[in-house]
């Protein structure tokens, strides 16, 4: 269950009336058996953070927080949120 904003610098308590939800399929490492096809990770950015940031998924790195003003920037410039 989602309880906090996914931005590690924010961590506002979840409020379903604001913000943005994200859903990513849970990846598996090379050589491992794939997870259940319904295995997903859910994240939420509060309204303030959703205006400044977005979440993206980078293989082998996991879920990353990216500044919306740098959408074209490579994943190396993103902050780590959760591992793959």
PDB file of N, CA and C in Angstrom:
ATOM      1  N   UNK A   1       0.834  -1.181   0.000  1.00  0.00           N
ATOM      2  CA  UNK A   1       0.000   0.000   0.000  1.00  0.00           C
ATOM      3  C   UNK A   1       0.881   1.248   0.000  1.00  0.00           C
ATOM      4  N   UNK A   2       0.480   2.250  -0.750  1.00  0.00           N
ATOM      5  CA  UNK A   2       1.217   3.505  -0.817  1.00  0.00           C
ATOM      6  C   UNK A   2       0.914   4.309   0.436  1.00  0.00           C
ATOM      7  N   UNK A   3       1.959   4.805   1.112  1.00  0.00           N
ATOM      8  CA  UNK A   3       1.716   5.598   2.309  1.00  0.00           C
ATOM      9  C   UNK A   3       2.405   6.961   2.272  1.00  0.00           C
ATOM     10  N   UNK A   4       3.439   7.109   1.417  1.00  0.00           N
ATOM     11  CA  UNK A   4       4.193   8.355   1.357  1.00  0.00           C
ATOM     12  C   UNK A   4       4.511   8.749  -0.074  1.00  0.00           C
ATOM     13  N   UNK A   5       4.812  10.023  -0.277  1.00  0.00           N
ATOM     14  CA  UNK A   5       5.274  10.518  -1.574  1.00  0.00           C
ATOM     15  C   UNK A   5       6.571   9.787  -1.931  1.00  0.00           C
ATOM     16  N   UNK A   6       6.741   9.424  -3.197  1.00  0.00           N
ATOM     17  CA  UNK A   6       7.916   8.673  -3.638  1.00  0.00           C
ATOM     18  C   UNK A   6       9.188   9.511  -3.661  1.00  0.00           C
ATOM     19  N   UNK A   7       9.064  10.827  -3.571  1.00  0.00           N
ATOM     20  CA  UNK A   7      10.244  11.686  -3.527  1.00  0.00           C
ATOM     21  C   UNK A   7      10.900  11.539  -2.157  1.00  0.00           C
ATOM     22  N   UNK A   8      12.132  11.009  -2.095  1.00  0.00           N
ATOM     23  CA  UNK A   8      12.780  10.796  -0.797  1.00  0.00           C
ATOM     24  C   UNK A   8      12.977  12.092  -0.004  1.00  0.00           C
ATOM     25  N   UNK A   9      13.026  13.232  -0.680  1.00  0.00           N
ATOM     26  CA  UNK A   9      13.216  14.513   0.002  1.00  0.00           C
ATOM     27  C   UNK A   9      11.900  15.089   0.520  1.00  0.00           C
ATOM     28  N   UNK A  10      10.772  14.519   0.151  1.00  0.00           N
ATOM     29  CA  UNK A  10       9.459  15.054   0.525  1.00  0.00           C
ATOM     30  C   UNK A  10       8.793  14.189   1.586  1.00  0.00           C
ATOM     31  N   UNK A  11       8.350  13.032   1.190  1.00  0.00           N
ATOM     32  CA  UNK A  11       7.727  12.032   2.070  1.00  0.00           C
ATOM     33  C   UNK A  11       6.427  12.494   2.731  1.00  0.00           C
ATOM     34  N   UNK A  12       5.641  13.311   2.033  1.00  0.00           N
ATOM     35  CA  UNK A  12       4.317  13.712   2.522  1.00  0.00           C
ATOM     36  C   UNK A  12       3.422  12.478   2.575  1.00  0.00           C
ATOM     37  N   UNK A  13       2.546  12.428   3.557  1.00  0.00           N
ATOM     38  CA  UNK A  13       1.624  11.310   3.729  1.00  0.00           C
ATOM     39  C   UNK A  13       0.633  11.267   2.563  1.00  0.00           C
ATOM     40  N   UNK A  14       0.371  10.058   2.082  1.00  0.00           N
ATOM     41  CA  UNK A  14      -0.515   9.818   0.942  1.00  0.00           C
ATOM     42  C   UNK A  14      -1.877  10.481   1.107  1.00  0.00           C
ATOM     43  N   UNK A  15      -2.334  11.141   0.032  1.00  0.00           N
ATOM     44  CA  UNK A  15      -3.661  11.745  -0.038  1.00  0.00           C
ATOM     45  C   UNK A  15      -4.189  11.466  -1.444  1.00  0.00           C
ATOM     46  N   UNK A  16      -5.174  10.599  -1.564  1.00  0.00           N
ATOM     47  CA  UNK A  16      -5.684  10.176  -2.868  1.00  0.00           C
ATOM     48  C   UNK A  16      -6.293  11.320  -3.681  1.00  0.00           C
ATOM     49  N   UNK A  17      -6.578  12.445  -3.053  1.00  0.00           N
ATOM     50  CA  UNK A  17      -7.222  13.563  -3.755  1.00  0.00           C
ATOM     51  C   UNK A  17      -6.246  14.455  -4.511  1.00  0.00           C
ATOM     52  N   UNK A  18      -4.970  14.202  -4.399  1.00  0.00           N
ATOM     53  CA  UNK A  18      -3.985  15.029  -5.087  1.00  0.00           C
ATOM     54  C   UNK A  18      -2.835  14.176  -5.592  1.00  0.00           C
ATOM     55  N   UNK A  19      -2.031  14.739  -6.457  1.00  0.00           N
ATOM     56  CA  UNK A  19      -0.821  14.068  -6.913  1.00  0.00           C
ATOM     57  C   UNK A  19      -1.020  13.173  -8.125  1.00  0.00           C
ATOM     58  N   UNK A  20      -0.043  12.305  -8.347  1.00  0.00           N
ATOM     59  CA  UNK A  20      -0.041  11.437  -9.520  1.00  0.00           C
ATOM     60  C   UNK A  20       0.423  10.035  -9.131  1.00  0.00           C
ATOM     61  N   UNK A  21      -0.273   9.028  -9.646  1.00  0.00           N
ATOM     62  CA  UNK A  21       0.078   7.632  -9.421  1.00  0.00           C
ATOM     63  C   UNK A  21       0.937   7.117 -10.562  1.00  0.00           C
ATOM     64  N   UNK A  22       1.808   6.170 -10.245  1.00  0.00           N
ATOM     65  CA  UNK A  22       2.649   5.509 -11.237  1.00  0.00           C
ATOM     66  C   UNK A  22       2.600   4.015 -10.966  1.00  0.00           C
ATOM     67  N   UNK A  23       2.657   3.241 -12.027  1.00  0.00           N
ATOM     68  CA  UNK A  23       2.655   1.784 -11.912  1.00  0.00           C
ATOM     69  C   UNK A  23       3.725   1.238 -12.842  1.00  0.00           C
ATOM     70  N   UNK A  24       4.611   0.425 -12.290  1.00  0.00           N
ATOM     71  CA  UNK A  24       5.682  -0.180 -13.073  1.00  0.00           C
ATOM     72  C   UNK A  24       5.652  -1.681 -12.857  1.00  0.00           C
ATOM     73  N   UNK A  25       5.833  -2.433 -13.942  1.00  0.00           N
ATOM     74  CA  UNK A  25       5.939  -3.883 -13.806  1.00  0.00           C
ATOM     75  C   UNK A  25       7.259  -4.219 -13.148  1.00  0.00           C
ATOM     76  N   UNK A  26       7.211  -5.104 -12.205  1.00  0.00           N
ATOM     77  CA  UNK A  26       8.406  -5.489 -11.472  1.00  0.00           C
ATOM     78  C   UNK A  26       9.304  -6.327 -12.383  1.00  0.00           C
ATOM     79  N   UNK A  27      10.522  -5.883 -12.572  1.00  0.00           N
ATOM     80  CA  UNK A  27      11.474  -6.571 -13.447  1.00  0.00           C
ATOM     81  C   UNK A  27      12.188  -7.688 -12.695  1.00  0.00           C
ATOM     82  N   UNK A  28      12.859  -8.536 -13.434  1.00  0.00           N
ATOM     83  CA  UNK A  28      13.663  -9.589 -12.833  1.00  0.00           C
ATOM     84  C   UNK A  28      15.084  -9.475 -13.361  1.00  0.00           C
ATOM     85  N   UNK A  29      16.019  -9.928 -12.580  1.00  0.00           N
ATOM     86  CA  UNK A  29      17.427  -9.880 -12.971  1.00  0.00           C
ATOM     87  C   UNK A  29      17.715 -10.988 -13.975  1.00  0.00           C
ATOM     88  N   UNK A  30      18.749 -10.774 -14.767  1.00  0.00           N
ATOM     89  CA  UNK A  30      19.162 -11.784 -15.753  1.00  0.00           C
ATOM     90  C   UNK A  30      19.428 -13.107 -15.055  1.00  0.00           C
ATOM     91  N   UNK A  31      18.934 -14.168 -15.629  1.00  0.00           N
ATOM     92  CA  UNK A  31      19.143 -15.504 -15.073  1.00  0.00           C
ATOM     93  C   UNK A  31      18.117 -15.902 -14.022  1.00  0.00           C
ATOM     94  N   UNK A  32      17.272 -14.980 -13.597  1.00  0.00           N
ATOM     95  CA  UNK A  32      16.236 -15.293 -12.612  1.00  0.00           C
ATOM     96  C   UNK A  32      14.928 -15.605 -13.318  1.00  0.00           C
ATOM     97  N   UNK A  33      14.105 -16.376 -12.650  1.00  0.00           N
ATOM     98  CA  UNK A  33      12.780 -16.676 -13.175  1.00  0.00           C
ATOM     99  C   UNK A  33      11.943 -15.395 -13.155  1.00  0.00           C
ATOM    100  N   UNK A  34      11.219 -15.102 -14.237  1.00  0.00           N
ATOM    101  CA  UNK A  34      10.396 -13.888 -14.264  1.00  0.00           C
ATOM    102  C   UNK A  34       9.362 -13.900 -13.145  1.00  0.00           C
ATOM    103  N   UNK A  35       9.072 -12.712 -12.574  1.00  0.00           N
ATOM    104  CA  UNK A  35       8.055 -12.646 -11.520  1.00  0.00           C
ATOM    105  C   UNK A  35       6.668 -12.890 -12.106  1.00  0.00           C
ATOM    106  N   UNK A  36       5.724 -13.062 -11.241  1.00  0.00           N
ATOM    107  CA  UNK A  36       4.333 -13.195 -11.642  1.00  0.00           C
ATOM    108  C   UNK A  36       4.000 -12.067 -12.625  1.00  0.00           C
ATOM    109  N   UNK A  37       3.286 -12.355 -13.685  1.00  0.00           N
ATOM    110  CA  UNK A  37       2.978 -11.339 -14.694  1.00  0.00           C
ATOM    111  C   UNK A  37       2.130 -10.207 -14.131  1.00  0.00           C
ATOM    112  N   UNK A  38       1.524 -10.401 -12.979  1.00  0.00           N
ATOM    113  CA  UNK A  38       0.722  -9.356 -12.356  1.00  0.00           C
ATOM    114  C   UNK A  38       1.500  -8.610 -11.284  1.00  0.00           C
ATOM    115  N   UNK A  39       2.792  -8.896 -11.186  1.00  0.00           N
ATOM    116  CA  UNK A  39       3.626  -8.283 -10.167  1.00  0.00           C
ATOM    117  C   UNK A  39       3.998  -6.856 -10.588  1.00  0.00           C
ATOM    118  N   UNK A  40       3.436  -5.892  -9.900  1.00  0.00           N
ATOM    119  CA  UNK A  40       3.693  -4.490 -10.215  1.00  0.00           C
ATOM    120  C   UNK A  40       4.073  -3.727  -8.954  1.00  0.00           C
ATOM    121  N   UNK A  41       4.734  -2.589  -9.159  1.00  0.00           N
ATOM    122  CA  UNK A  41       5.074  -1.693  -8.067  1.00  0.00           C
ATOM    123  C   UNK A  41       4.273  -0.415  -8.288  1.00  0.00           C
ATOM    124  N   UNK A  42       3.702   0.116  -7.219  1.00  0.00           N
ATOM    125  CA  UNK A  42       2.927   1.348  -7.297  1.00  0.00           C
ATOM    126  C   UNK A  42       3.652   2.454  -6.541  1.00  0.00           C
ATOM    127  N   UNK A  43       3.638   3.644  -7.118  1.00  0.00           N
ATOM    128  CA  UNK A  43       4.256   4.805  -6.508  1.00  0.00           C
ATOM    129  C   UNK A  43       3.310   5.987  -6.646  1.00  0.00           C
ATOM    130  N   UNK A  44       3.501   6.996  -5.802  1.00  0.00           N
ATOM    131  CA  UNK A  44       2.681   8.189  -5.819  1.00  0.00           C
ATOM    132  C   UNK A  44       3.568   9.386  -5.551  1.00  0.00           C
ATOM    133  N   UNK A  45       3.383  10.448  -6.332  1.00  0.00           N
ATOM    134  CA  UNK A  45       4.019  11.732  -6.059  1.00  0.00           C
ATOM    135  C   UNK A  45       2.924  12.685  -5.598  1.00  0.00           C
ATOM    136  N   UNK A  46       3.176  13.422  -4.513  1.00  0.00           N
ATOM    137  CA  UNK A  46       2.189  14.392  -4.029  1.00  0.00           C
ATOM    138  C   UNK A  46       1.999  15.480  -5.084  1.00  0.00           C
ATOM    139  N   UNK A  47       0.996  16.309  -4.924  1.00  0.00           N
ATOM    140  CA  UNK A  47       0.689  17.353  -5.895  1.00  0.00           C
ATOM    141  C   UNK A  47       1.859  18.287  -6.150  1.00  0.00           C
ATOM    142  N   UNK A  48       2.548  18.695  -5.109  1.00  0.00           N
ATOM    143  CA  UNK A  48       3.689  19.605  -5.250  1.00  0.00           C
ATOM    144  C   UNK A  48       4.817  18.942  -6.038  1.00  0.00           C
ATOM    145  N   UNK A  49       5.154  17.723  -5.683  1.00  0.00           N
ATOM    146  CA  UNK A  49       6.246  17.003  -6.359  1.00  0.00           C
ATOM    147  C   UNK A  49       5.870  16.612  -7.789  1.00  0.00           C
ATOM    148  N   UNK A  50       4.612  16.248  -8.013  1.00  0.00           N
ATOM    149  CA  UNK A  50       4.165  15.853  -9.360  1.00  0.00           C
ATOM    150  C   UNK A  50       4.286  17.010 -10.339  1.00  0.00           C
ATOM    151  N   UNK A  51       4.213  18.231  -9.850  1.00  0.00           N
ATOM    152  CA  UNK A  51       4.384  19.390 -10.710  1.00  0.00           C
ATOM    153  C   UNK A  51       5.831  19.615 -11.118  1.00  0.00           C
ATOM    154  N   UNK A  52       6.763  19.130 -10.300  1.00  0.00           N
ATOM    155  CA  UNK A  52       8.196  19.330 -10.546  1.00  0.00           C
ATOM    156  C   UNK A  52       8.895  18.100 -11.102  1.00  0.00           C
ATOM    157  N   UNK A  53       8.397  16.918 -10.730  1.00  0.00           N
ATOM    158  CA  UNK A  53       9.079  15.668 -11.060  1.00  0.00           C
ATOM    159  C   UNK A  53       8.156  14.656 -11.728  1.00  0.00           C
ATOM    160  N   UNK A  54       8.763  13.640 -12.299  1.00  0.00           N
ATOM    161  CA  UNK A  54       8.057  12.470 -12.785  1.00  0.00           C
ATOM    162  C   UNK A  54       8.879  11.256 -12.377  1.00  0.00           C
ATOM    163  N   UNK A  55       8.293  10.094 -12.453  1.00  0.00           N
ATOM    164  CA  UNK A  55       9.022   8.856 -12.178  1.00  0.00           C
ATOM    165  C   UNK A  55       9.216   8.123 -13.494  1.00  0.00           C
ATOM    166  N   UNK A  56      10.350   7.470 -13.634  1.00  0.00           N
ATOM    167  CA  UNK A  56      10.590   6.643 -14.807  1.00  0.00           C
ATOM    168  C   UNK A  56      11.271   5.368 -14.371  1.00  0.00           C
ATOM    169  N   UNK A  57      11.188   4.364 -15.227  1.00  0.00           N
ATOM    170  CA  UNK A  57      11.802   3.073 -14.935  1.00  0.00           C
ATOM    171  C   UNK A  57      12.987   2.871 -15.860  1.00  0.00           C
ATOM    172  N   UNK A  58      14.136   2.565 -15.281  1.00  0.00           N
ATOM    173  CA  UNK A  58      15.344   2.291 -16.052  1.00  0.00           C
ATOM    174  C   UNK A  58      15.778   0.856 -15.751  1.00  0.00           C
ATOM    175  N   UNK A  59      15.892   0.037 -16.799  1.00  0.00           N
ATOM    176  CA  UNK A  59      16.306  -1.358 -16.595  1.00  0.00           C
ATOM    177  C   UNK A  59      17.614  -1.419 -15.836  1.00  0.00           C
ATOM    178  N   UNK A  60      17.728  -2.399 -14.969  1.00  0.00           N
ATOM    179  CA  UNK A  60      18.903  -2.647 -14.138  1.00  0.00           C
ATOM    180  C   UNK A  60      19.132  -1.573 -13.073  1.00  0.00           C
ATOM    181  N   UNK A  61      18.325  -0.505 -13.056  1.00  0.00           N
ATOM    182  CA  UNK A  61      18.480   0.548 -12.043  1.00  0.00           C
ATOM    183  C   UNK A  61      17.240   0.678 -11.184  1.00  0.00           C
ATOM    184  N   UNK A  62      16.076   0.487 -11.780  1.00  0.00           N
ATOM    185  CA  UNK A  62      14.835   0.587 -11.031  1.00  0.00           C
ATOM    186  C   UNK A  62      14.082   1.867 -11.308  1.00  0.00           C
ATOM    187  N   UNK A  63      13.306   2.317 -10.328  1.00  0.00           N
ATOM    188  CA  UNK A  63      12.468   3.503 -10.477  1.00  0.00           C
ATOM    189  C   UNK A  63      13.284   4.727 -10.077  1.00  0.00           C
ATOM    190  N   UNK A  64      13.245   5.748 -10.938  1.00  0.00           N
ATOM    191  CA  UNK A  64      14.029   6.952 -10.730  1.00  0.00           C
ATOM    192  C   UNK A  64      13.131   8.180 -10.714  1.00  0.00           C
ATOM    193  N   UNK A  65      13.501   9.160  -9.911  1.00  0.00           N
ATOM    194  CA  UNK A  65      12.808  10.434  -9.838  1.00  0.00           C
ATOM    195  C   UNK A  65      13.523  11.393 -10.778  1.00  0.00           C
ATOM    196  N   UNK A  66      12.789  11.976 -11.740  1.00  0.00           N
ATOM    197  CA  UNK A  66      13.419  12.861 -12.712  1.00  0.00           C
ATOM    198  C   UNK A  66      12.724  14.213 -12.731  1.00  0.00           C
ATOM    199  N   UNK A  67      13.524  15.260 -12.768  1.00  0.00           N
ATOM    200  CA  UNK A  67      13.028  16.627 -12.870  1.00  0.00           C
ATOM    201  C   UNK A  67      12.330  16.787 -14.220  1.00  0.00           C
ATOM    202  N   UNK A  68      11.122  17.323 -14.212  1.00  0.00           N
ATOM    203  CA  UNK A  68      10.365  17.488 -15.457  1.00  0.00           C
ATOM    204  C   UNK A  68      11.064  18.438 -16.430  1.00  0.00           C
ATOM    205  N   UNK A  69      11.845  19.379 -15.920  1.00  0.00           N
ATOM    206  CA  UNK A  69      12.541  20.318 -16.796  1.00  0.00           C
ATOM    207  C   UNK A  69      13.700  19.661 -17.527  1.00  0.00           C
ATOM    208  N   UNK A  70      14.070  18.455 -17.129  1.00  0.00           N
ATOM    209  CA  UNK A  70      15.183  17.740 -17.748  1.00  0.00           C
ATOM    210  C   UNK A  70      14.722  16.416 -18.348  1.00  0.00           C
ATOM    211  N   UNK A  71      13.514  16.380 -18.905  1.00  0.00           N
ATOM    212  CA  UNK A  71      12.951  15.136 -19.444  1.00  0.00           C
ATOM    213  C   UNK A  71      13.889  14.473 -20.441  1.00  0.00           C
ATOM    214  N   UNK A  72      14.608  15.241 -21.244  1.00  0.00           N
ATOM    215  CA  UNK A  72      15.499  14.665 -22.245  1.00  0.00           C
ATOM    216  C   UNK A  72      16.826  14.206 -21.645  1.00  0.00           C
ATOM    217  N   UNK A  73      17.055  14.464 -20.357  1.00  0.00           N
ATOM    218  CA  UNK A  73      18.320  14.093 -19.713  1.00  0.00           C
ATOM    219  C   UNK A  73      18.414  12.578 -19.551  1.00  0.00           C
ATOM    220  N   UNK A  74      19.623  12.035 -19.615  1.00  0.00           N
ATOM    221  CA  UNK A  74      19.792  10.595 -19.421  1.00  0.00           C
ATOM    222  C   UNK A  74      19.474  10.176 -17.986  1.00  0.00           C
ATOM    223  N   UNK A  75      19.195   8.907 -17.809  1.00  0.00           N
ATOM    224  CA  UNK A  75      18.815   8.367 -16.498  1.00  0.00           C
ATOM    225  C   UNK A  75      19.899   8.573 -15.441  1.00  0.00           C
ATOM    226  N   UNK A  76      21.161   8.767 -15.833  1.00  0.00           N
ATOM    227  CA  UNK A  76      22.234   8.958 -14.853  1.00  0.00           C
ATOM    228  C   UNK A  76      21.998  10.227 -14.032  1.00  0.00           C
ATOM    229  N   UNK A  77      21.214  11.160 -14.556  1.00  0.00           N
ATOM    230  CA  UNK A  77      20.964  12.428 -13.869  1.00  0.00           C
ATOM    231  C   UNK A  77      19.731  12.363 -12.993  1.00  0.00           C
ATOM    232  N   UNK A  78      19.176  11.188 -12.804  1.00  0.00           N
ATOM    233  CA  UNK A  78      17.976  11.001 -11.995  1.00  0.00           C
ATOM    234  C   UNK A  78      18.361  10.560 -10.594  1.00  0.00           C
ATOM    235  N   UNK A  79      17.439  10.770  -9.654  1.00  0.00           N
ATOM    236  CA  UNK A  79      17.638  10.278  -8.298  1.00  0.00           C
ATOM    237  C   UNK A  79      16.963   8.920  -8.160  1.00  0.00           C
ATOM    238  N   UNK A  80      17.592   8.041  -7.435  1.00  0.00           N
ATOM    239  CA  UNK A  80      17.115   6.683  -7.203  1.00  0.00           C
ATOM    240  C   UNK A  80      15.911   6.707  -6.261  1.00  0.00           C
ATOM    241  N   UNK A  81      14.878   5.944  -6.592  1.00  0.00           N
ATOM    242  CA  UNK A  81      13.697   5.797  -5.735  1.00  0.00           C
ATOM    243  C   UNK A  81      13.587   4.368  -5.221  1.00  0.00           C
ATOM    244  N   UNK A  82      13.631   3.389  -6.112  1.00  0.00           N
ATOM    245  CA  UNK A  82      13.504   1.980  -5.729  1.00  0.00           C
ATOM    246  C   UNK A  82      14.244   1.104  -6.724  1.00  0.00           C
ATOM    247  N   UNK A  83      14.822   0.022  -6.242  1.00  0.00           N
ATOM    248  CA  UNK A  83      15.584  -0.868  -7.107  1.00  0.00           C
ATOM    249  C   UNK A  83      14.688  -1.767  -7.941  1.00  0.00           C
ATOM    250  N   UNK A  84      15.263  -2.294  -9.011  1.00  0.00           N
ATOM    251  CA  UNK A  84      14.529  -3.179  -9.934  1.00  0.00           C
ATOM    252  C   UNK A  84      14.185  -4.478  -9.280  1.00  0.00           C
TER     253      UNK A  84
END
